[in-house]
Amino acid sequence: MNGLFEFFEQNSIYIVLAITLIIWTGIFLFLLSTDKRLKEIEKEIKEMEQ
C-alpha cells in the first residue's frame, strides 16, 4: 500500500491530467449526443411543416 501512495505523490500531475482528460471526454460525448438529438428534432419539425 505504501508503494501506491508513493506513486501518487511522485506522479500527481499525471493523475490530474488523466482525470481532466476523462472529464473532457465525457463533456465531448455529451455534446455529441445532444447535437444528434437536436438534429433529429429539427428534422421532425421540418417534416411537420411540409
Protein backbone atom coordinates (compact mmCIF):
# COMPACT_ATOMS: atom_id res chain seq x y z
CA MET A 1 0.00 0.00 0.00
CA ASN A 2 2.93 2.35 0.68
CA GLY A 3 4.10 1.91 -2.90
CA LEU A 4 0.74 3.11 -4.16
CA PHE A 5 0.86 6.28 -2.05
CA GLU A 6 4.42 6.96 -3.19
CA PHE A 7 3.32 6.55 -6.80
CA PHE A 8 0.51 9.09 -6.32
CA GLU A 9 2.84 11.55 -4.57
CA GLN A 10 5.50 11.36 -7.27
CA ASN A 11 3.13 11.32 -10.25
CA SER A 12 0.29 13.53 -9.08
CA ILE A 13 0.37 15.65 -12.24
CA TYR A 14 -0.36 12.58 -14.37
CA ILE A 15 -3.30 11.67 -12.13
CA VAL A 16 -4.72 15.19 -12.54
CA LEU A 17 -4.20 15.06 -16.30
CA ALA A 18 -5.93 11.67 -16.56
CA ILE A 19 -8.94 12.89 -14.55
CA THR A 20 -9.14 16.05 -16.65
CA LEU A 21 -9.00 14.01 -19.85
CA ILE A 22 -11.82 11.77 -18.62
CA ILE A 23 -13.96 14.80 -17.76
CA TRP A 24 -13.36 16.48 -21.15
CA THR A 25 -14.13 13.23 -22.96
CA GLY A 26 -17.42 12.98 -21.06
CA ILE A 27 -18.34 16.55 -21.96
CA PHE A 28 -17.48 15.94 -25.61
CA LEU A 29 -19.58 12.77 -25.78
CA PHE A 30 -22.49 14.53 -24.06
CA LEU A 31 -22.36 17.36 -26.59
CA LEU A 32 -22.23 14.91 -29.49
CA SER A 33 -25.30 13.05 -28.25
CA THR A 34 -27.17 16.30 -27.63
CA ASP A 35 -26.33 17.51 -31.13
CA LYS A 36 -27.58 14.25 -32.63
CA ARG A 37 -30.88 14.51 -30.75
CA LEU A 38 -31.33 18.14 -31.78
CA LYS A 39 -30.79 17.27 -35.44
CA GLU A 40 -33.46 14.57 -35.19
CA ILE A 41 -35.90 17.02 -33.59
CA GLU A 42 -35.18 19.64 -36.26
CA LYS A 43 -35.81 17.04 -38.97
CA GLU A 44 -39.15 16.10 -37.39
CA ILE A 45 -40.19 19.77 -37.18
CA LYS A 46 -39.33 20.34 -40.85
CA GLU A 47 -41.36 17.27 -41.83
CA MET A 48 -44.35 18.50 -39.83
CA GLU A 49 -44.25 21.92 -41.53
CA GLN A 50 -44.49 20.44 -45.02
